[in-house]
Structure formats: structure tokens, C-alpha cells
Amino acid sequence: MLLEYVQAALRHAKYRIFDEDGSYYGEIPECTGVWANAATLEECREELREVLEGWVVLSIHKNLPLPVIDGIELAVKDVA
């Protein structure tokens, strides 16, 4: 489920090129604070994936809500 969530979120990524230095910026609007900046588009995509994965793991660890993306919901459920 985690892999499907990450892949779905990455499909929502938006990229642009900075005119000043030609570097690439990427973000996932649904995932607040998830962004990357790199010299090439491929490096930016890879960095964005790594940032997203860390953001998801930290959110789960802290029991913070994650946005539902393409119908995929990740949530920590109480086991009683």
C-alpha cells in the first residue's frame, strides 16, 4: 500500500525550471512541504521521491494525517 501511495503522489508532482540557474524544482501540492530542487529533471524526481518517502514515514510515526491521494488512504489504526 505504501508503494502505491508514493507512486500516486508522484503522479501529482509539478515541475518547473528556474530561469536564473536552469535548475529544476518539483513539488507535490497535496503534500505540504514536500519539494525538491536539483540540477537535472531526473535528479529532481529522485530527490522528490526520497523527500516524499521520508515525509510519509515521519507522518505515520507521529500519527499525523496524510492526504488521500487517488483514493488511497494511509492511516495508523488502533489495534485493540
N, C-alpha and C. Protein backbone atom coordinates (compact mmCIF):
# COMPACT_ATOMS: atom_id res chain seq x y z
N MET A 1 0.82 -1.18 0.00
CA MET A 1 0.00 0.00 0.00
C MET A 1 0.87 1.26 0.00
N LEU A 2 1.97 1.22 0.73
CA LEU A 2 2.86 2.38 0.81
C LEU A 2 3.42 2.72 -0.57
N LEU A 3 3.86 1.73 -1.30
CA LEU A 3 4.42 1.95 -2.64
C LEU A 3 3.37 2.55 -3.57
N GLU A 4 2.14 2.06 -3.51
CA GLU A 4 1.08 2.59 -4.35
C GLU A 4 0.79 4.04 -4.00
N TYR A 5 0.83 4.37 -2.71
CA TYR A 5 0.59 5.74 -2.27
C TYR A 5 1.68 6.67 -2.80
N VAL A 6 2.93 6.27 -2.67
CA VAL A 6 4.06 7.09 -3.15
C VAL A 6 3.96 7.28 -4.66
N GLN A 7 3.67 6.21 -5.39
CA GLN A 7 3.55 6.32 -6.85
C GLN A 7 2.40 7.25 -7.24
N ALA A 8 1.28 7.16 -6.55
CA ALA A 8 0.14 8.03 -6.84
C ALA A 8 0.50 9.48 -6.56
N ALA A 9 1.15 9.73 -5.43
CA ALA A 9 1.53 11.10 -5.09
C ALA A 9 2.50 11.67 -6.12
N LEU A 10 3.45 10.86 -6.58
CA LEU A 10 4.41 11.33 -7.56
C LEU A 10 3.75 11.67 -8.89
N ARG A 11 2.64 11.03 -9.20
CA ARG A 11 1.91 11.38 -10.42
C ARG A 11 1.30 12.78 -10.33
N HIS A 12 1.17 13.31 -9.12
CA HIS A 12 0.62 14.65 -8.92
C HIS A 12 1.72 15.71 -8.88
N ALA A 13 2.97 15.31 -9.01
CA ALA A 13 4.09 16.25 -8.92
C ALA A 13 4.03 17.29 -10.03
N LYS A 14 4.43 18.50 -9.68
CA LYS A 14 4.53 19.60 -10.62
C LYS A 14 5.99 20.03 -10.66
N TYR A 15 6.51 20.25 -11.86
CA TYR A 15 7.91 20.62 -12.03
C TYR A 15 8.01 21.93 -12.81
N ARG A 16 9.08 22.67 -12.53
CA ARG A 16 9.38 23.86 -13.32
C ARG A 16 10.89 24.07 -13.32
N ILE A 17 11.32 24.88 -14.27
CA ILE A 17 12.74 25.21 -14.39
C ILE A 17 12.93 26.65 -13.93
N PHE A 18 13.93 26.86 -13.09
CA PHE A 18 14.27 28.22 -12.67
C PHE A 18 15.10 28.88 -13.77
N ASP A 19 14.65 30.03 -14.22
CA ASP A 19 15.36 30.76 -15.27
C ASP A 19 16.74 31.22 -14.81
N GLU A 20 16.87 31.55 -13.54
CA GLU A 20 18.12 32.09 -13.02
C GLU A 20 19.31 31.15 -13.19
N ASP A 21 19.10 29.88 -12.88
CA ASP A 21 20.23 28.94 -12.92
C ASP A 21 19.96 27.67 -13.71
N GLY A 22 18.76 27.53 -14.25
CA GLY A 22 18.43 26.34 -15.04
C GLY A 22 18.15 25.10 -14.22
N SER A 23 18.06 25.24 -12.89
CA SER A 23 17.80 24.07 -12.06
C SER A 23 16.30 23.76 -12.09
N TYR A 24 15.97 22.55 -11.65
CA TYR A 24 14.59 22.07 -11.65
C TYR A 24 14.03 22.08 -10.23
N TYR A 25 12.78 22.46 -10.14
CA TYR A 25 12.06 22.47 -8.86
C TYR A 25 10.84 21.58 -9.03
N GLY A 26 10.58 20.74 -8.04
CA GLY A 26 9.41 19.88 -8.07
C GLY A 26 8.71 19.90 -6.73
N GLU A 27 7.39 19.79 -6.78
CA GLU A 27 6.61 19.73 -5.55
C GLU A 27 5.37 18.88 -5.77
N ILE A 28 4.81 18.42 -4.68
CA ILE A 28 3.54 17.69 -4.71
C ILE A 28 2.57 18.54 -3.91
N PRO A 29 1.67 19.26 -4.60
CA PRO A 29 0.80 20.22 -3.91
C PRO A 29 -0.02 19.62 -2.77
N GLU A 30 -0.44 18.39 -2.89
CA GLU A 30 -1.26 17.76 -1.85
C GLU A 30 -0.46 17.46 -0.58
N CYS A 31 0.85 17.41 -0.70
CA CYS A 31 1.72 17.02 0.42
C CYS A 31 2.52 18.24 0.88
N THR A 32 1.98 18.97 1.82
CA THR A 32 2.58 20.21 2.28
C THR A 32 4.02 20.02 2.72
N GLY A 33 4.91 20.81 2.13
CA GLY A 33 6.32 20.76 2.50
C GLY A 33 7.15 19.77 1.72
N VAL A 34 6.55 19.04 0.80
CA VAL A 34 7.28 18.06 0.00
C VAL A 34 7.70 18.73 -1.30
N TRP A 35 9.01 19.03 -1.40
CA TRP A 35 9.55 19.68 -2.59
C TRP A 35 11.01 19.29 -2.75
N ALA A 36 11.53 19.53 -3.94
CA ALA A 36 12.93 19.22 -4.23
C ALA A 36 13.45 20.20 -5.27
N ASN A 37 14.77 20.37 -5.28
CA ASN A 37 15.44 21.24 -6.25
C ASN A 37 16.74 20.56 -6.63
N ALA A 38 17.00 20.43 -7.95
CA ALA A 38 18.21 19.74 -8.40
C ALA A 38 18.62 20.26 -9.77
N ALA A 39 19.81 19.89 -10.19
CA ALA A 39 20.37 20.38 -11.45
C ALA A 39 19.67 19.81 -12.68
N THR A 40 19.18 18.56 -12.58
CA THR A 40 18.52 17.94 -13.72
C THR A 40 17.12 17.48 -13.31
N LEU A 41 16.28 17.25 -14.31
CA LEU A 41 14.93 16.79 -14.02
C LEU A 41 14.95 15.42 -13.35
N GLU A 42 15.79 14.53 -13.82
CA GLU A 42 15.85 13.19 -13.20
C GLU A 42 16.32 13.26 -11.76
N GLU A 43 17.33 14.10 -11.48
CA GLU A 43 17.80 14.26 -10.10
C GLU A 43 16.69 14.85 -9.23
N CYS A 44 15.94 15.79 -9.79
CA CYS A 44 14.84 16.41 -9.05
C CYS A 44 13.76 15.38 -8.75
N ARG A 45 13.43 14.55 -9.72
CA ARG A 45 12.42 13.50 -9.49
C ARG A 45 12.86 12.54 -8.40
N GLU A 46 14.13 12.13 -8.45
CA GLU A 46 14.64 11.19 -7.45
C GLU A 46 14.64 11.82 -6.06
N GLU A 47 15.08 13.06 -5.98
CA GLU A 47 15.10 13.76 -4.69
C GLU A 47 13.68 13.94 -4.16
N LEU A 48 12.75 14.27 -5.04
CA LEU A 48 11.36 14.44 -4.63
C LEU A 48 10.79 13.13 -4.09
N ARG A 49 11.11 12.02 -4.73
CA ARG A 49 10.65 10.72 -4.24
C ARG A 49 11.22 10.44 -2.84
N GLU A 50 12.50 10.72 -2.63
CA GLU A 50 13.12 10.50 -1.33
C GLU A 50 12.49 11.38 -0.26
N VAL A 51 12.25 12.64 -0.59
CA VAL A 51 11.62 13.56 0.36
C VAL A 51 10.20 13.07 0.71
N LEU A 52 9.46 12.67 -0.31
CA LEU A 52 8.10 12.16 -0.09
C LEU A 52 8.11 10.94 0.82
N GLU A 53 8.99 10.00 0.56
CA GLU A 53 9.06 8.80 1.40
C GLU A 53 9.36 9.15 2.85
N GLY A 54 10.31 10.05 3.08
CA GLY A 54 10.62 10.47 4.44
C GLY A 54 9.46 11.18 5.11
N TRP A 55 8.76 12.00 4.33
CA TRP A 55 7.60 12.74 4.84
C TRP A 55 6.49 11.77 5.25
N VAL A 56 6.25 10.74 4.44
CA VAL A 56 5.22 9.75 4.76
C VAL A 56 5.60 8.98 6.02
N VAL A 57 6.83 8.52 6.10
CA VAL A 57 7.27 7.74 7.27
C VAL A 57 7.18 8.58 8.54
N LEU A 58 7.64 9.82 8.48
CA LEU A 58 7.57 10.70 9.65
C LEU A 58 6.12 10.97 10.04
N SER A 59 5.27 11.20 9.06
CA SER A 59 3.85 11.46 9.34
C SER A 59 3.21 10.25 10.02
N ILE A 60 3.52 9.06 9.54
CA ILE A 60 2.98 7.84 10.15
C ILE A 60 3.52 7.68 11.57
N HIS A 61 4.82 7.90 11.73
CA HIS A 61 5.44 7.78 13.05
C HIS A 61 4.81 8.73 14.06
N LYS A 62 4.50 9.94 13.63
CA LYS A 62 3.91 10.94 14.52
C LYS A 62 2.39 10.89 14.53
N ASN A 63 1.83 9.90 13.82
CA ASN A 63 0.38 9.72 13.74
C ASN A 63 -0.31 10.98 13.21
N LEU A 64 0.31 11.61 12.20
CA LEU A 64 -0.27 12.79 11.56
C LEU A 64 -1.10 12.35 10.37
N PRO A 65 -2.16 13.08 10.08
CA PRO A 65 -3.00 12.69 8.94
C PRO A 65 -2.27 12.91 7.61
N LEU A 66 -2.47 11.99 6.70
CA LEU A 66 -1.94 12.10 5.34
C LEU A 66 -3.10 12.34 4.38
N PRO A 67 -2.87 13.12 3.34
CA PRO A 67 -3.95 13.34 2.40
C PRO A 67 -4.30 12.07 1.63
N VAL A 68 -5.56 11.90 1.32
CA VAL A 68 -5.99 10.80 0.47
C VAL A 68 -5.61 11.19 -0.96
N ILE A 69 -4.89 10.32 -1.63
CA ILE A 69 -4.44 10.60 -2.99
C ILE A 69 -4.93 9.50 -3.91
N ASP A 70 -5.68 9.88 -4.93
CA ASP A 70 -6.25 8.94 -5.89
C ASP A 70 -6.99 7.79 -5.20
N GLY A 71 -7.68 8.14 -4.12
CA GLY A 71 -8.46 7.14 -3.39
C GLY A 71 -7.65 6.27 -2.43
N ILE A 72 -6.36 6.53 -2.33
CA ILE A 72 -5.50 5.74 -1.44
C ILE A 72 -5.35 6.48 -0.12
N GLU A 73 -5.71 5.81 0.96
CA GLU A 73 -5.63 6.42 2.28
C GLU A 73 -4.66 5.62 3.14
N LEU A 74 -3.65 6.32 3.68
CA LEU A 74 -2.74 5.72 4.63
C LEU A 74 -3.07 6.28 5.99
N ALA A 75 -3.30 5.42 6.95
CA ALA A 75 -3.63 5.88 8.29
C ALA A 75 -3.22 4.81 9.29
N VAL A 76 -2.82 5.27 10.46
CA VAL A 76 -2.50 4.34 11.55
C VAL A 76 -3.79 4.05 12.26
N LYS A 77 -4.13 2.78 12.35
CA LYS A 77 -5.38 2.39 13.00
C LYS A 77 -5.06 1.76 14.34
N ASP A 78 -5.87 2.09 15.33
CA ASP A 78 -5.70 1.50 16.65
C ASP A 78 -6.05 0.02 16.60
N VAL A 79 -5.18 -0.77 17.19
CA VAL A 79 -5.44 -2.21 17.31
C VAL A 79 -5.75 -2.47 18.77
N ALA A 80 -6.97 -2.81 19.03
CA ALA A 80 -7.38 -3.01 20.44
C ALA A 80 -7.84 -4.43 20.64
